[in-house]
């Protein structure tokens, strides 16, 4: 069945809103914004699986607490963990006017001051989205780490950050 112009426009608008949601989520991760991070998920019952390093959760409150504990930890007045999330290759499918799925490729870098390491990873996201209170939210977010390299920070390195 051919879609009407209105249905096609609504689908494109939904895809753009979901892209903006995912980007808001990733930016919140990098900018240490726990309230924005939590607000990207449905209010109750989100299915989250960030793999063995971070864990599985049946509600976004659990991952938000882990995020606060890890991302906001400071060492000598500076954040211990610095993250950089670059999501690309989005494949978003609008299933209905209130549901969608999405797959994303993530290029992830993380500096851990305490461990003195940098991690570089290739990660795949498998998401489900739904409309809640008039806005798209993440209903489920499952990740699969394709590969990761962890290496020590070089001798004499300097980290300059403006997040503190």
Protein backbone atom coordinates (compact mmCIF):
# COMPACT_ATOMS: atom_id res chain seq x y z
CA UNK A 1 0.00 0.00 0.00
CA UNK A 2 1.36 3.36 -1.00
CA UNK A 3 1.80 5.93 1.76
CA UNK A 4 0.22 9.35 1.61
CA UNK A 5 2.40 12.43 1.59
CA UNK A 6 1.37 13.11 5.21
CA UNK A 7 2.40 9.59 6.27
CA UNK A 8 5.76 9.92 4.50
CA UNK A 9 6.44 13.30 6.13
CA UNK A 10 5.42 11.94 9.55
CA UNK A 11 7.84 9.01 9.07
CA UNK A 12 10.71 11.35 8.14
CA UNK A 13 9.93 13.60 11.11
CA UNK A 14 9.94 10.57 13.44
CA UNK A 15 13.33 9.45 12.10
CA UNK A 16 14.78 12.92 12.65
CA UNK A 17 13.36 13.09 16.20
CA UNK A 18 14.89 9.68 16.98
CA UNK A 19 18.28 10.82 15.62
CA UNK A 20 18.08 13.89 17.84
CA UNK A 21 17.16 11.69 20.82
CA UNK A 22 20.17 9.42 20.26
CA UNK A 23 22.49 12.38 19.82
CA UNK A 24 21.11 14.00 23.00
CA UNK A 25 21.76 10.72 24.86
CA UNK A 26 25.35 10.47 23.56
CA UNK A 27 26.07 14.13 24.26
CA UNK A 28 24.75 13.69 27.82
CA UNK A 29 27.19 10.79 28.26
CA UNK A 30 30.15 12.92 27.16
CA UNK A 31 29.12 16.11 28.96
CA UNK A 32 28.39 14.40 32.32
CA UNK A 33 24.66 15.27 32.36
CA UNK A 34 22.92 12.50 34.35
CA UNK A 35 19.43 14.06 34.26
CA UNK A 36 19.49 14.42 30.47
CA UNK A 37 20.92 10.89 30.19
CA UNK A 38 18.06 9.44 32.28
CA UNK A 39 15.40 11.49 30.49
CA UNK A 40 16.27 9.84 27.17
CA UNK A 41 14.74 6.56 28.38
CA UNK A 42 11.13 5.60 29.07
CA UNK A 43 9.96 6.31 32.63
CA UNK A 44 9.65 2.64 33.61
CA UNK A 45 10.67 -0.76 32.30
CA UNK A 46 13.50 0.00 29.89
CA UNK A 47 15.55 -3.03 28.85
CA UNK A 48 19.23 -2.13 28.87
CA UNK A 49 22.17 -4.42 28.18
CA UNK A 50 25.56 -2.71 28.02
CA UNK A 51 27.47 -6.00 28.14
CA UNK A 52 29.57 -7.65 30.85
CA UNK A 53 31.65 -4.54 31.66
CA UNK A 54 28.65 -2.38 32.61
CA UNK A 55 25.74 -4.80 33.06
CA UNK A 56 22.08 -5.47 32.33
CA UNK A 57 19.18 -3.46 33.69
CA UNK A 58 15.39 -3.81 33.63
CA UNK A 59 14.86 -0.10 34.22
CA UNK A 60 16.78 3.04 33.27
CA UNK A 61 17.13 4.09 36.92
CA UNK A 62 19.72 1.32 37.37
CA UNK A 63 21.93 2.38 34.47
CA UNK A 64 21.49 6.05 35.44
CA UNK A 65 22.88 5.24 38.90
CA UNK A 66 25.85 3.38 37.41
CA UNK A 67 26.39 6.32 35.05
CA UNK A 68 26.40 8.78 37.97
CA UNK A 69 28.83 6.66 39.96
CA UNK A 70 31.31 6.11 37.12
CA UNK A 71 30.99 9.24 34.99
CA UNK A 72 30.84 11.77 37.81
CA UNK A 73 33.67 10.34 39.94
CA UNK A 74 36.47 12.83 40.42
CA UNK A 75 40.17 12.36 41.14
CA UNK A 76 42.13 15.39 42.33
CA UNK A 77 39.28 17.69 41.32
CA UNK A 78 38.98 16.30 37.77
CA UNK A 79 36.68 13.70 36.29
CA UNK A 80 38.30 10.28 36.39
CA UNK A 81 36.63 8.99 33.21
CA UNK A 82 36.44 11.03 30.01
CA UNK A 83 34.28 9.65 27.19
CA UNK A 84 33.79 10.39 23.50
CA UNK A 85 30.81 8.81 21.70
CA UNK A 86 30.48 9.12 17.92
CA UNK A 87 27.41 7.31 16.58
CA UNK A 88 26.98 6.84 12.88
CA UNK A 89 25.43 4.59 10.24
CA UNK A 90 21.96 4.89 11.74
CA UNK A 91 19.37 2.49 10.39
CA UNK A 92 16.03 3.59 11.82
CA UNK A 93 12.78 1.80 11.00
CA UNK A 94 9.50 3.43 12.02
CA UNK A 95 7.28 0.45 12.84
CA UNK A 96 4.18 2.48 13.72
CA UNK A 97 3.24 6.00 14.77
CA UNK A 98 4.46 5.17 18.31
CA UNK A 99 7.21 2.55 17.83
CA UNK A 100 10.54 2.34 16.01
CA UNK A 101 13.76 0.35 15.97
CA UNK A 102 17.28 1.49 15.31
CA UNK A 103 20.76 0.15 14.81
CA UNK A 104 23.79 2.37 15.21
CA UNK A 105 27.54 1.96 14.97
CA UNK A 106 29.46 3.63 17.80
CA UNK A 107 33.08 4.68 17.76
CA UNK A 108 33.96 5.06 21.43
CA UNK A 109 37.02 6.44 23.21
CA UNK A 110 37.50 6.55 26.94
CA UNK A 111 40.31 7.87 29.12
CA UNK A 112 40.59 6.50 32.66
CA UNK A 113 42.89 8.73 34.72
CA UNK A 114 43.16 6.35 37.66
CA UNK A 115 44.05 3.34 35.52
CA UNK A 116 46.18 5.49 33.21
CA UNK A 117 44.59 3.95 30.13
CA UNK A 118 42.79 4.83 26.94
CA UNK A 119 40.16 2.48 25.50
CA UNK A 120 39.08 2.60 21.86
CA UNK A 121 36.08 0.44 20.88
CA UNK A 122 33.79 -0.37 18.00
CA UNK A 123 30.28 -0.99 19.33
CA UNK A 124 26.92 -1.81 17.76
CA UNK A 125 23.67 -0.51 19.29
CA UNK A 126 20.34 -2.29 18.83
CA UNK A 127 17.59 0.03 20.08
CA UNK A 128 13.81 0.18 20.35
CA UNK A 129 12.02 3.50 20.71
CA UNK A 130 8.49 4.51 21.62
CA UNK A 131 6.45 7.63 22.13
CA UNK A 132 5.95 8.48 25.79
CA UNK A 133 4.30 11.72 26.91
CA UNK A 134 4.43 13.02 23.35
CA UNK A 135 8.17 12.44 22.77
CA UNK A 136 10.33 9.62 21.50
CA UNK A 137 12.18 7.74 24.25
CA UNK A 138 14.49 4.72 24.33
CA UNK A 139 12.55 1.57 25.31
CA UNK A 140 15.50 -0.81 24.95
CA UNK A 141 19.19 -0.36 24.28
CA UNK A 142 21.42 -3.38 23.79
CA UNK A 143 25.07 -3.11 22.81
CA UNK A 144 27.59 -5.51 21.39
CA UNK A 145 31.27 -4.65 21.57
CA UNK A 146 32.88 -5.76 18.31
CA UNK A 147 36.42 -5.06 19.48
CA UNK A 148 38.36 -2.91 21.91
CA UNK A 149 41.94 -1.80 22.38
CA UNK A 150 43.11 -0.73 25.82
CA UNK A 151 46.51 0.90 26.01
CA UNK A 152 48.44 2.82 28.65
CA UNK A 153 48.52 6.58 28.37
CA UNK A 154 51.94 7.71 27.11
CA UNK A 155 54.61 8.87 29.55
CA UNK A 156 54.36 12.59 30.21
CA UNK A 157 50.83 12.88 28.79
CA UNK A 158 48.70 15.90 29.61
CA UNK A 159 44.92 15.89 29.77
CA UNK A 160 43.25 19.25 29.31
CA UNK A 161 39.51 19.23 30.06
CA UNK A 162 36.95 21.93 30.64
CA UNK A 163 34.22 19.76 32.18
CA UNK A 164 35.19 20.34 35.82
